[in-house]
Amino acid sequence: QVRSGELAVTIGDIKRFRQLDSKCPGHPEYRRTTGIEATTGPLGQGCG
């Protein structure tokens, strides 16, 4: 991590929510977007 790094999620990314190759897919995806701790969506999985 670097202090001067680019934003992990920009307004442009938010505008591309749920679009192909977006940093903001329909459900959070680990490794795709910095700051996401776990891929979730199927209910109960994040709890476990």
All heavy atoms as atom14 arrays in JSON, in Angstrom:
{
  "sequence": "QVRSGELAVTIGDIKRFRQLDSKCPGHPEYRRTTGIEATTGPLGQGCG",
  "atom14_mask": [
    [1, 1, 1, 1, 1, 1, 1, 1, 1, 0, 0, 0, 0, 0],
    [1, 1, 1, 1, 1, 1, 1, 0, 0, 0, 0, 0, 0, 0],
    [1, 1, 1, 1, 1, 1, 1, 1, 1, 1, 1, 0, 0, 0],
    [1, 1, 1, 1, 1, 1, 0, 0, 0, 0, 0, 0, 0, 0],
    [1, 1, 1, 1, 0, 0, 0, 0, 0, 0, 0, 0, 0, 0],
    [1, 1, 1, 1, 1, 1, 1, 1, 1, 0, 0, 0, 0, 0],
    [1, 1, 1, 1, 1, 1, 1, 1, 0, 0, 0, 0, 0, 0],
    [1, 1, 1, 1, 1, 0, 0, 0, 0, 0, 0, 0, 0, 0],
    [1, 1, 1, 1, 1, 1, 1, 0, 0, 0, 0, 0, 0, 0],
    [1, 1, 1, 1, 1, 1, 1, 0, 0, 0, 0, 0, 0, 0],
    [1, 1, 1, 1, 1, 1, 1, 1, 0, 0, 0, 0, 0, 0],
    [1, 1, 1, 1, 0, 0, 0, 0, 0, 0, 0, 0, 0, 0],
    [1, 1, 1, 1, 1, 1, 1, 1, 0, 0, 0, 0, 0, 0],
    [1, 1, 1, 1, 1, 1, 1, 1, 0, 0, 0, 0, 0, 0],
    [1, 1, 1, 1, 1, 1, 1, 1, 1, 0, 0, 0, 0, 0],
    [1, 1, 1, 1, 1, 1, 1, 1, 1, 1, 1, 0, 0, 0],
    [1, 1, 1, 1, 1, 1, 1, 1, 1, 1, 1, 0, 0, 0],
    [1, 1, 1, 1, 1, 1, 1, 1, 1, 1, 1, 0, 0, 0],
    [1, 1, 1, 1, 1, 1, 1, 1, 1, 0, 0, 0, 0, 0],
    [1, 1, 1, 1, 1, 1, 1, 1, 0, 0, 0, 0, 0, 0],
    [1, 1, 1, 1, 1, 1, 1, 1, 0, 0, 0, 0, 0, 0],
    [1, 1, 1, 1, 1, 1, 0, 0, 0, 0, 0, 0, 0, 0],
    [1, 1, 1, 1, 1, 1, 1, 1, 1, 0, 0, 0, 0, 0],
    [1, 1, 1, 1, 1, 1, 0, 0, 0, 0, 0, 0, 0, 0],
    [1, 1, 1, 1, 1, 1, 1, 0, 0, 0, 0, 0, 0, 0],
    [1, 1, 1, 1, 0, 0, 0, 0, 0, 0, 0, 0, 0, 0],
    [1, 1, 1, 1, 1, 1, 1, 1, 1, 1, 0, 0, 0, 0],
    [1, 1, 1, 1, 1, 1, 1, 0, 0, 0, 0, 0, 0, 0],
    [1, 1, 1, 1, 1, 1, 1, 1, 1, 0, 0, 0, 0, 0],
    [1, 1, 1, 1, 1, 1, 1, 1, 1, 1, 1, 1, 0, 0],
    [1, 1, 1, 1, 1, 1, 1, 1, 1, 1, 1, 0, 0, 0],
    [1, 1, 1, 1, 1, 1, 1, 1, 1, 1, 1, 0, 0, 0],
    [1, 1, 1, 1, 1, 1, 1, 0, 0, 0, 0, 0, 0, 0],
    [1, 1, 1, 1, 1, 1, 1, 0, 0, 0, 0, 0, 0, 0],
    [1, 1, 1, 1, 0, 0, 0, 0, 0, 0, 0, 0, 0, 0],
    [1, 1, 1, 1, 1, 1, 1, 1, 0, 0, 0, 0, 0, 0],
    [1, 1, 1, 1, 1, 1, 1, 1, 1, 0, 0, 0, 0, 0],
    [1, 1, 1, 1, 1, 0, 0, 0, 0, 0, 0, 0, 0, 0],
    [1, 1, 1, 1, 1, 1, 1, 0, 0, 0, 0, 0, 0, 0],
    [1, 1, 1, 1, 1, 1, 1, 0, 0, 0, 0, 0, 0, 0],
    [1, 1, 1, 1, 0, 0, 0, 0, 0, 0, 0, 0, 0, 0],
    [1, 1, 1, 1, 1, 1, 1, 0, 0, 0, 0, 0, 0, 0],
    [1, 1, 1, 1, 1, 1, 1, 1, 0, 0, 0, 0, 0, 0],
    [1, 1, 1, 1, 0, 0, 0, 0, 0, 0, 0, 0, 0, 0],
    [1, 1, 1, 1, 1, 1, 1, 1, 1, 0, 0, 0, 0, 0],
    [1, 1, 1, 1, 0, 0, 0, 0, 0, 0, 0, 0, 0, 0],
    [1, 1, 1, 1, 1, 1, 0, 0, 0, 0, 0, 0, 0, 0],
    [1, 1, 1, 1, 0, 0, 0, 0, 0, 0, 0, 0, 0, 0]
  ],
  "atom14_positions": [
    [[0.84, -1.18, 0.0], [0.0, 0.0, 0.0], [0.89, 1.25, 0.0], [1.93, 1.29, 0.63], [-0.89, 0.0, 1.25], [-1.78, -1.23, 1.38], [-2.88, -1.24, 0.35], [-3.2, -0.22, -0.22], [-3.46, -2.39, 0.09], [0.0, 0.0, 0.0], [0.0, 0.0, 0.0], [0.0, 0.0, 0.0], [0.0, 0.0, 0.0], [0.0, 0.0, 0.0]],
    [[0.46, 2.26, -0.71], [1.23, 3.51, -0.75], [0.31, 4.67, -0.43], [-0.87, 4.68, -0.75], [1.86, 3.73, -2.15], [2.96, 2.74, -2.42], [0.81, 3.66, -3.24], [0.0, 0.0, 0.0], [0.0, 0.0, 0.0], [0.0, 0.0, 0.0], [0.0, 0.0, 0.0], [0.0, 0.0, 0.0], [0.0, 0.0, 0.0], [0.0, 0.0, 0.0]],
    [[0.84, 5.67, 0.25], [0.05, 6.82, 0.65], [-0.49, 7.58, -0.55], [-1.56, 8.15, -0.51], [0.9, 7.77, 1.5], [1.55, 7.1, 2.71], [0.55, 6.78, 3.78], [1.16, 6.09, 4.9], [0.51, 5.29, 5.71], [-0.76, 5.05, 5.51], [1.12, 4.72, 6.72], [0.0, 0.0, 0.0], [0.0, 0.0, 0.0], [0.0, 0.0, 0.0]],
    [[0.26, 7.61, -1.63], [-0.13, 8.4, -2.78], [-0.84, 7.57, -3.84], [-1.0, 8.01, -4.97], [1.1, 9.07, -3.4], [2.04, 8.07, -3.79], [0.0, 0.0, 0.0], [0.0, 0.0, 0.0], [0.0, 0.0, 0.0], [0.0, 0.0, 0.0], [0.0, 0.0, 0.0], [0.0, 0.0, 0.0], [0.0, 0.0, 0.0], [0.0, 0.0, 0.0]],
    [[-1.26, 6.37, -3.49], [-1.91, 5.49, -4.45], [-3.24, 6.03, -4.92], [-3.86, 6.89, -4.32], [0.0, 0.0, 0.0], [0.0, 0.0, 0.0], [0.0, 0.0, 0.0], [0.0, 0.0, 0.0], [0.0, 0.0, 0.0], [0.0, 0.0, 0.0], [0.0, 0.0, 0.0], [0.0, 0.0, 0.0], [0.0, 0.0, 0.0], [0.0, 0.0, 0.0]],
    [[-3.71, 5.5, -6.04], [-5.0, 5.9, -6.58], [-6.13, 5.35, -5.72], [-5.98, 4.35, -5.01], [-5.14, 5.38, -8.01], [-4.14, 5.96, -8.98], [-4.33, 5.4, -10.39], [-5.15, 4.47, -10.53], [-3.66, 5.89, -11.31], [0.0, 0.0, 0.0], [0.0, 0.0, 0.0], [0.0, 0.0, 0.0], [0.0, 0.0, 0.0], [0.0, 0.0, 0.0]],
    [[-7.28, 5.99, -5.81], [-8.44, 5.52, -5.08], [-8.84, 4.13, -5.57], [-8.85, 3.86, -6.78], [-9.61, 6.47, -5.26], [-9.54, 7.82, -4.54], [-10.76, 8.66, -4.91], [-9.47, 7.64, -3.04], [0.0, 0.0, 0.0], [0.0, 0.0, 0.0], [0.0, 0.0, 0.0], [0.0, 0.0, 0.0], [0.0, 0.0, 0.0], [0.0, 0.0, 0.0]],
    [[-9.16, 3.26, -4.63], [-9.61, 1.92, -5.0], [-10.96, 1.97, -5.69], [-11.25, 1.18, -6.6], [-9.69, 1.04, -3.75], [0.0, 0.0, 0.0], [0.0, 0.0, 0.0], [0.0, 0.0, 0.0], [0.0, 0.0, 0.0], [0.0, 0.0, 0.0], [0.0, 0.0, 0.0], [0.0, 0.0, 0.0], [0.0, 0.0, 0.0], [0.0, 0.0, 0.0]],
    [[-11.83, 2.9, -5.25], [-13.15, 3.07, -5.85], [-13.34, 4.56, -6.13], [-13.42, 5.37, -5.21], [-14.26, 2.57, -4.91], [-15.64, 2.86, -5.51], [-14.12, 1.08, -4.66], [0.0, 0.0, 0.0], [0.0, 0.0, 0.0], [0.0, 0.0, 0.0], [0.0, 0.0, 0.0], [0.0, 0.0, 0.0], [0.0, 0.0, 0.0], [0.0, 0.0, 0.0]],
    [[-13.38, 4.91, -7.41], [-13.6, 6.29, -7.81], [-15.09, 6.52, -8.1], [-15.87, 5.57, -8.19], [-12.8, 6.62, -9.07], [-13.32, 5.82, -10.16], [-11.32, 6.3, -8.88], [0.0, 0.0, 0.0], [0.0, 0.0, 0.0], [0.0, 0.0, 0.0], [0.0, 0.0, 0.0], [0.0, 0.0, 0.0], [0.0, 0.0, 0.0], [0.0, 0.0, 0.0]],
    [[-15.46, 7.78, -8.28], [-16.82, 8.07, -8.7], [-17.1, 7.41, -10.05], [-18.2, 6.91, -10.3], [-17.05, 9.6, -8.79], [-17.3, 10.16, -7.4], [-18.24, 9.93, -9.68], [-18.63, 9.75, -6.78], [0.0, 0.0, 0.0], [0.0, 0.0, 0.0], [0.0, 0.0, 0.0], [0.0, 0.0, 0.0], [0.0, 0.0, 0.0], [0.0, 0.0, 0.0]],
    [[-16.09, 7.37, -10.9], [-16.25, 6.68, -12.18], [-16.57, 5.21, -12.01], [-17.39, 4.65, -12.74], [0.0, 0.0, 0.0], [0.0, 0.0, 0.0], [0.0, 0.0, 0.0], [0.0, 0.0, 0.0], [0.0, 0.0, 0.0], [0.0, 0.0, 0.0], [0.0, 0.0, 0.0], [0.0, 0.0, 0.0], [0.0, 0.0, 0.0], [0.0, 0.0, 0.0]],
    [[-15.92, 4.57, -11.03], [-16.22, 3.16, -10.76], [-17.66, 3.0, -10.28], [-18.36, 2.06, -10.67], [-15.26, 2.62, -9.69], [-13.82, 2.56, -10.15], [-13.6, 2.23, -11.33], [-12.92, 2.84, -9.35], [0.0, 0.0, 0.0], [0.0, 0.0, 0.0], [0.0, 0.0, 0.0], [0.0, 0.0, 0.0], [0.0, 0.0, 0.0], [0.0, 0.0, 0.0]],
    [[-18.1, 3.91, -9.4], [-19.46, 3.83, -8.88], [-20.47, 4.03, -10.02], [-21.51, 3.36, -10.07], [-19.66, 4.87, -7.76], [-18.89, 4.4, -6.51], [-21.13, 5.07, -7.44], [-18.9, 5.39, -5.36], [0.0, 0.0, 0.0], [0.0, 0.0, 0.0], [0.0, 0.0, 0.0], [0.0, 0.0, 0.0], [0.0, 0.0, 0.0], [0.0, 0.0, 0.0]],
    [[-20.14, 4.9, -10.95], [-21.03, 5.1, -12.1], [-21.09, 3.87, -12.99], [-22.03, 3.71, -13.78], [-20.56, 6.31, -12.91], [-20.79, 7.64, -12.2], [-20.3, 8.81, -13.04], [-20.57, 10.13, -12.35], [-20.08, 11.29, -13.14], [0.0, 0.0, 0.0], [0.0, 0.0, 0.0], [0.0, 0.0, 0.0], [0.0, 0.0, 0.0], [0.0, 0.0, 0.0]],
    [[-20.08, 3.0, -12.86], [-20.05, 1.77, -13.66], [-20.44, 0.55, -12.81], [-20.08, -0.57, -13.11], [-18.67, 1.56, -14.27], [-18.27, 2.67, -15.25], [-17.03, 2.28, -16.06], [-17.31, 1.14, -16.91], [-16.85, -0.09, -16.7], [-16.09, -0.36, -15.63], [-17.15, -1.07, -17.52], [0.0, 0.0, 0.0], [0.0, 0.0, 0.0], [0.0, 0.0, 0.0]],
    [[-21.19, 0.79, -11.76], [-21.7, -0.27, -10.88], [-22.36, -1.37, -11.71], [-23.17, -1.1, -12.59], [-22.7, 0.34, -9.91], [-23.4, -0.62, -8.99], [-22.68, -1.47, -8.15], [-24.78, -0.66, -8.94], [-23.34, -2.34, -7.29], [-25.45, -1.52, -8.08], [-24.73, -2.37, -7.26], [0.0, 0.0, 0.0], [0.0, 0.0, 0.0], [0.0, 0.0, 0.0]],
    [[-21.95, -2.61, -11.44], [-22.52, -3.8, -12.07], [-22.23, -3.9, -13.58], [-22.89, -4.66, -14.28], [-24.03, -3.89, -11.84], [-24.39, -4.3, -10.41], [-25.86, -4.49, -10.21], [-26.1, -5.19, -8.93], [-26.84, -6.27, -8.79], [-27.45, -6.81, -9.83], [-26.99, -6.84, -7.61], [0.0, 0.0, 0.0], [0.0, 0.0, 0.0], [0.0, 0.0, 0.0]],
    [[-21.23, -3.17, -14.06], [-20.87, -3.25, -15.48], [-19.62, -4.12, -15.64], [-18.88, -4.37, -14.7], [-20.63, -1.86, -16.05], [-21.81, -0.91, -15.85], [-23.13, -1.47, -16.32], [-23.28, -1.78, -17.52], [-24.1, -1.63, -15.42], [0.0, 0.0, 0.0], [0.0, 0.0, 0.0], [0.0, 0.0, 0.0], [0.0, 0.0, 0.0], [0.0, 0.0, 0.0]],
    [[-19.37, -4.54, -16.86], [-18.27, -5.46, -17.15], [-16.94, -4.9, -16.68], [-16.59, -3.75, -16.98], [-18.22, -5.74, -18.65], [-17.21, -6.8, -19.1], [-17.56, -8.17, -18.54], [-17.15, -6.86, -20.64], [0.0, 0.0, 0.0], [0.0, 0.0, 0.0], [0.0, 0.0, 0.0], [0.0, 0.0, 0.0], [0.0, 0.0, 0.0], [0.0, 0.0, 0.0]],
    [[-16.2, -5.71, -15.92], [-14.86, -5.38, -15.42], [-14.86, -4.2, -14.44], [-13.8, -3.61, -14.17], [-13.89, -5.07, -16.57], [-13.67, -6.29, -17.47], [-13.71, -7.41, -16.94], [-13.47, -6.11, -18.68], [0.0, 0.0, 0.0], [0.0, 0.0, 0.0], [0.0, 0.0, 0.0], [0.0, 0.0, 0.0], [0.0, 0.0, 0.0], [0.0, 0.0, 0.0]],
    [[-16.02, -3.86, -13.88], [-16.09, -2.76, -12.92], [-15.45, -3.15, -11.6], [-15.46, -4.32, -11.2], [-17.55, -2.37, -12.68], [-17.66, -1.44, -11.62], [0.0, 0.0, 0.0], [0.0, 0.0, 0.0], [0.0, 0.0, 0.0], [0.0, 0.0, 0.0], [0.0, 0.0, 0.0], [0.0, 0.0, 0.0], [0.0, 0.0, 0.0], [0.0, 0.0, 0.0]],
    [[-14.91, -2.15, -10.89], [-14.42, -2.36, -9.54], [-15.59, -2.45, -8.54], [-15.37, -2.69, -7.36], [-13.51, -1.19, -9.13], [-12.16, -1.18, -9.84], [-11.29, -2.34, -9.37], [-9.9, -2.26, -9.98], [-9.12, -1.14, -9.45], [0.0, 0.0, 0.0], [0.0, 0.0, 0.0], [0.0, 0.0, 0.0], [0.0, 0.0, 0.0], [0.0, 0.0, 0.0]],
    [[-16.79, -2.25, -9.06], [-18.0, -2.31, -8.23], [-18.96, -3.34, -8.82], [-20.0, -2.98, -9.39], [-18.66, -0.94, -8.15], [-17.64, 0.35, -7.43], [0.0, 0.0, 0.0], [0.0, 0.0, 0.0], [0.0, 0.0, 0.0], [0.0, 0.0, 0.0], [0.0, 0.0, 0.0], [0.0, 0.0, 0.0], [0.0, 0.0, 0.0], [0.0, 0.0, 0.0]],
    [[-18.62, -4.62, -8.72], [-19.53, -5.66, -9.24], [-20.79, -5.76, -8.38], [-20.91, -5.12, -7.33], [-18.68, -6.92, -9.17], [-17.7, -6.66, -8.08], [-17.4, -5.19, -8.13], [0.0, 0.0, 0.0], [0.0, 0.0, 0.0], [0.0, 0.0, 0.0], [0.0, 0.0, 0.0], [0.0, 0.0, 0.0], [0.0, 0.0, 0.0], [0.0, 0.0, 0.0]],
    [[-21.72, -6.59, -8.83], [-23.01, -6.7, -8.16], [-22.92, -7.07, -6.7], [-23.7, -6.6, -5.86], [0.0, 0.0, 0.0], [0.0, 0.0, 0.0], [0.0, 0.0, 0.0], [0.0, 0.0, 0.0], [0.0, 0.0, 0.0], [0.0, 0.0, 0.0], [0.0, 0.0, 0.0], [0.0, 0.0, 0.0], [0.0, 0.0, 0.0], [0.0, 0.0, 0.0]],
    [[-21.96, -7.93, -6.35], [-21.71, -8.3, -4.96], [-20.21, -8.14, -4.7], [-19.4, -8.28, -5.61], [-22.15, -9.75, -4.69], [-23.63, -9.94, -4.81], [-24.25, -10.18, -6.03], [-24.62, -9.94, -3.89], [-25.55, -10.3, -5.84], [-25.8, -10.17, -4.56], [0.0, 0.0, 0.0], [0.0, 0.0, 0.0], [0.0, 0.0, 0.0], [0.0, 0.0, 0.0]],
    [[-19.83, -7.83, -3.47], [-18.41, -7.58, -3.18], [-17.53, -8.77, -3.53], [-17.88, -9.92, -3.22], [-18.4, -7.32, -1.67], [-19.8, -6.92, -1.33], [-20.68, -7.69, -2.28], [0.0, 0.0, 0.0], [0.0, 0.0, 0.0], [0.0, 0.0, 0.0], [0.0, 0.0, 0.0], [0.0, 0.0, 0.0], [0.0, 0.0, 0.0], [0.0, 0.0, 0.0]],
    [[-16.4, -8.49, -4.17], [-15.48, -9.55, -4.57], [-14.08, -9.28, -4.03], [-13.45, -8.28, -4.36], [-15.43, -9.68, -6.1], [-16.74, -10.14, -6.72], [-16.64, -10.33, -8.22], [-15.52, -10.64, -8.71], [-17.66, -10.16, -8.9], [0.0, 0.0, 0.0], [0.0, 0.0, 0.0], [0.0, 0.0, 0.0], [0.0, 0.0, 0.0], [0.0, 0.0, 0.0]],
    [[-13.63, -10.19, -3.2], [-12.27, -10.15, -2.65], [-11.26, -10.23, -3.79], [-11.46, -10.97, -4.75], [-12.09, -11.33, -1.69], [-10.7, -11.53, -1.14], [-10.17, -10.65, -0.22], [-9.94, -12.64, -1.52], [-8.9, -10.84, 0.31], [-8.68, -12.85, -0.99], [-8.16, -11.95, -0.08], [-6.9, -12.15, 0.43], [0.0, 0.0, 0.0], [0.0, 0.0, 0.0]],
    [[-10.2, -9.45, -3.69], [-9.1, -9.36, -4.65], [-9.44, -8.48, -5.86], [-8.54, -7.97, -6.5], [-8.63, -10.74, -5.15], [-7.99, -11.58, -4.06], [-7.61, -12.96, -4.57], [-6.55, -12.89, -5.58], [-5.25, -12.89, -5.32], [-4.83, -12.94, -4.07], [-4.36, -12.83, -6.29], [0.0, 0.0, 0.0], [0.0, 0.0, 0.0], [0.0, 0.0, 0.0]],
    [[-10.72, -8.28, -6.16], [-11.06, -7.39, -7.26], [-10.95, -5.92, -6.82], [-10.49, -5.07, -7.59], [-12.47, -7.67, -7.77], [-12.96, -6.67, -8.84], [-14.35, -6.99, -9.32], [-14.36, -8.19, -10.13], [-14.1, -8.21, -11.45], [-13.8, -7.09, -12.09], [-14.14, -9.34, -12.13], [0.0, 0.0, 0.0], [0.0, 0.0, 0.0], [0.0, 0.0, 0.0]],
    [[-11.4, -5.64, -5.6], [-11.48, -4.27, -5.13], [-10.8, -4.16, -3.77], [-11.17, -4.87, -2.83], [-12.95, -3.82, -5.0], [-13.63, -4.11, -6.23], [-13.05, -2.35, -4.7], [0.0, 0.0, 0.0], [0.0, 0.0, 0.0], [0.0, 0.0, 0.0], [0.0, 0.0, 0.0], [0.0, 0.0, 0.0], [0.0, 0.0, 0.0], [0.0, 0.0, 0.0]],
    [[-9.8, -3.3, -3.66], [-9.09, -3.11, -2.4], [-10.05, -2.67, -1.31], [-10.9, -1.81, -1.52], [-7.99, -2.04, -2.58], [-7.12, -2.44, -3.63], [-7.19, -1.87, -1.3], [0.0, 0.0, 0.0], [0.0, 0.0, 0.0], [0.0, 0.0, 0.0], [0.0, 0.0, 0.0], [0.0, 0.0, 0.0], [0.0, 0.0, 0.0], [0.0, 0.0, 0.0]],
    [[-9.91, -3.27, -0.14], [-10.78, -2.96, 0.98], [-11.9, -3.96, 1.19], [-12.55, -3.94, 2.23], [0.0, 0.0, 0.0], [0.0, 0.0, 0.0], [0.0, 0.0, 0.0], [0.0, 0.0, 0.0], [0.0, 0.0, 0.0], [0.0, 0.0, 0.0], [0.0, 0.0, 0.0], [0.0, 0.0, 0.0], [0.0, 0.0, 0.0], [0.0, 0.0, 0.0]],
    [[-12.12, -4.84, 0.21], [-13.12, -5.9, 0.36], [-12.45, -7.06, 1.09], [-11.47, -7.63, 0.61], [-13.65, -6.37, -1.0], [-14.25, -5.21, -1.79], [-14.65, -7.5, -0.82], [-15.46, -4.58, -1.18], [0.0, 0.0, 0.0], [0.0, 0.0, 0.0], [0.0, 0.0, 0.0], [0.0, 0.0, 0.0], [0.0, 0.0, 0.0], [0.0, 0.0, 0.0]],
    [[-12.97, -7.43, 2.24], [-12.36, -8.48, 3.06], [-12.78, -9.88, 2.63], [-12.08, -10.86, 2.92], [-12.72, -8.29, 4.53], [-12.23, -6.99, 5.15], [-10.74, -6.98, 5.43], [-10.04, -7.95, 5.07], [-10.26, -5.99, 6.02], [0.0, 0.0, 0.0], [0.0, 0.0, 0.0], [0.0, 0.0, 0.0], [0.0, 0.0, 0.0], [0.0, 0.0, 0.0]],
    [[-13.92, -10.01, 1.95], [-14.42, -11.33, 1.58], [-15.44, -11.19, 0.46], [-16.17, -10.2, 0.39], [-15.07, -12.02, 2.78], [0.0, 0.0, 0.0], [0.0, 0.0, 0.0], [0.0, 0.0, 0.0], [0.0, 0.0, 0.0], [0.0, 0.0, 0.0], [0.0, 0.0, 0.0], [0.0, 0.0, 0.0], [0.0, 0.0, 0.0], [0.0, 0.0, 0.0]],
    [[-15.48, -12.18, -0.41], [-16.52, -12.25, -1.43], [-17.81, -12.73, -0.77], [-17.84, -13.81, -0.17], [-16.12, -13.2, -2.56], [-14.94, -12.7, -3.19], [-17.22, -13.34, -3.59], [0.0, 0.0, 0.0], [0.0, 0.0, 0.0], [0.0, 0.0, 0.0], [0.0, 0.0, 0.0], [0.0, 0.0, 0.0], [0.0, 0.0, 0.0], [0.0, 0.0, 0.0]],
    [[-18.84, -11.92, -0.87], [-20.12, -12.28, -0.25], [-21.25, -12.12, -1.25], [-21.07, -11.57, -2.33], [-20.4, -11.4, 0.98], [-20.39, -10.02, 0.59], [-19.36, -11.62, 2.07], [0.0, 0.0, 0.0], [0.0, 0.0, 0.0], [0.0, 0.0, 0.0], [0.0, 0.0, 0.0], [0.0, 0.0, 0.0], [0.0, 0.0, 0.0], [0.0, 0.0, 0.0]],
    [[-22.39, -12.57, -0.87], [-23.57, -12.53, -1.74], [-24.48, -13.69, -1.41], [-25.63, -13.48, -1.02], [0.0, 0.0, 0.0], [0.0, 0.0, 0.0], [0.0, 0.0, 0.0], [0.0, 0.0, 0.0], [0.0, 0.0, 0.0], [0.0, 0.0, 0.0], [0.0, 0.0, 0.0], [0.0, 0.0, 0.0], [0.0, 0.0, 0.0], [0.0, 0.0, 0.0]],
    [[-23.99, -14.95, -1.55], [-24.8, -16.07, -1.06], [-25.01, -15.91, 0.44], [-24.05, -15.9, 1.22], [-23.93, -17.29, -1.38], [-23.02, -16.84, -2.47], [-22.75, -15.39, -2.19], [0.0, 0.0, 0.0], [0.0, 0.0, 0.0], [0.0, 0.0, 0.0], [0.0, 0.0, 0.0], [0.0, 0.0, 0.0], [0.0, 0.0, 0.0], [0.0, 0.0, 0.0]],
    [[-26.23, -15.75, 0.86], [-26.49, -15.32, 2.23], [-26.0, -16.34, 3.25], [-26.1, -17.55, 3.06], [-27.98, -15.04, 2.4], [-28.48, -13.84, 1.59], [-29.98, -13.69, 1.68], [-27.79, -12.55, 2.04], [0.0, 0.0, 0.0], [0.0, 0.0, 0.0], [0.0, 0.0, 0.0], [0.0, 0.0, 0.0], [0.0, 0.0, 0.0], [0.0, 0.0, 0.0]],
    [[-25.48, -15.83, 4.33], [-24.94, -16.65, 5.41], [-23.45, -16.9, 5.29], [-22.78, -17.16, 6.3], [0.0, 0.0, 0.0], [0.0, 0.0, 0.0], [0.0, 0.0, 0.0], [0.0, 0.0, 0.0], [0.0, 0.0, 0.0], [0.0, 0.0, 0.0], [0.0, 0.0, 0.0], [0.0, 0.0, 0.0], [0.0, 0.0, 0.0], [0.0, 0.0, 0.0]],
    [[-22.91, -16.82, 4.08], [-21.49, -17.13, 3.89], [-20.59, -16.12, 4.62], [-19.6, -16.49, 5.25], [-21.14, -17.17, 2.41], [-21.85, -18.25, 1.62], [-21.49, -19.64, 2.1], [-20.32, -19.98, 2.22], [-22.51, -20.45, 2.37], [0.0, 0.0, 0.0], [0.0, 0.0, 0.0], [0.0, 0.0, 0.0], [0.0, 0.0, 0.0], [0.0, 0.0, 0.0]],
    [[-20.94, -14.84, 4.52], [-20.13, -13.84, 5.2], [-20.16, -14.0, 6.71], [-19.15, -13.78, 7.39], [0.0, 0.0, 0.0], [0.0, 0.0, 0.0], [0.0, 0.0, 0.0], [0.0, 0.0, 0.0], [0.0, 0.0, 0.0], [0.0, 0.0, 0.0], [0.0, 0.0, 0.0], [0.0, 0.0, 0.0], [0.0, 0.0, 0.0], [0.0, 0.0, 0.0]],
    [[-21.31, -14.41, 7.24], [-21.39, -14.65, 8.68], [-20.4, -15.74, 9.09], [-19.65, -15.59, 10.06], [-22.82, -15.07, 9.06], [-24.04, -13.74, 8.91], [0.0, 0.0, 0.0], [0.0, 0.0, 0.0], [0.0, 0.0, 0.0], [0.0, 0.0, 0.0], [0.0, 0.0, 0.0], [0.0, 0.0, 0.0], [0.0, 0.0, 0.0], [0.0, 0.0, 0.0]],
    [[-20.41, -16.84, 8.35], [-19.49, -17.92, 8.67], [-18.04, -17.51, 8.52], [-17.19, -17.86, 9.35], [0.0, 0.0, 0.0], [0.0, 0.0, 0.0], [0.0, 0.0, 0.0], [0.0, 0.0, 0.0], [0.0, 0.0, 0.0], [0.0, 0.0, 0.0], [0.0, 0.0, 0.0], [0.0, 0.0, 0.0], [0.0, 0.0, 0.0], [0.0, 0.0, 0.0]]
  ]
}
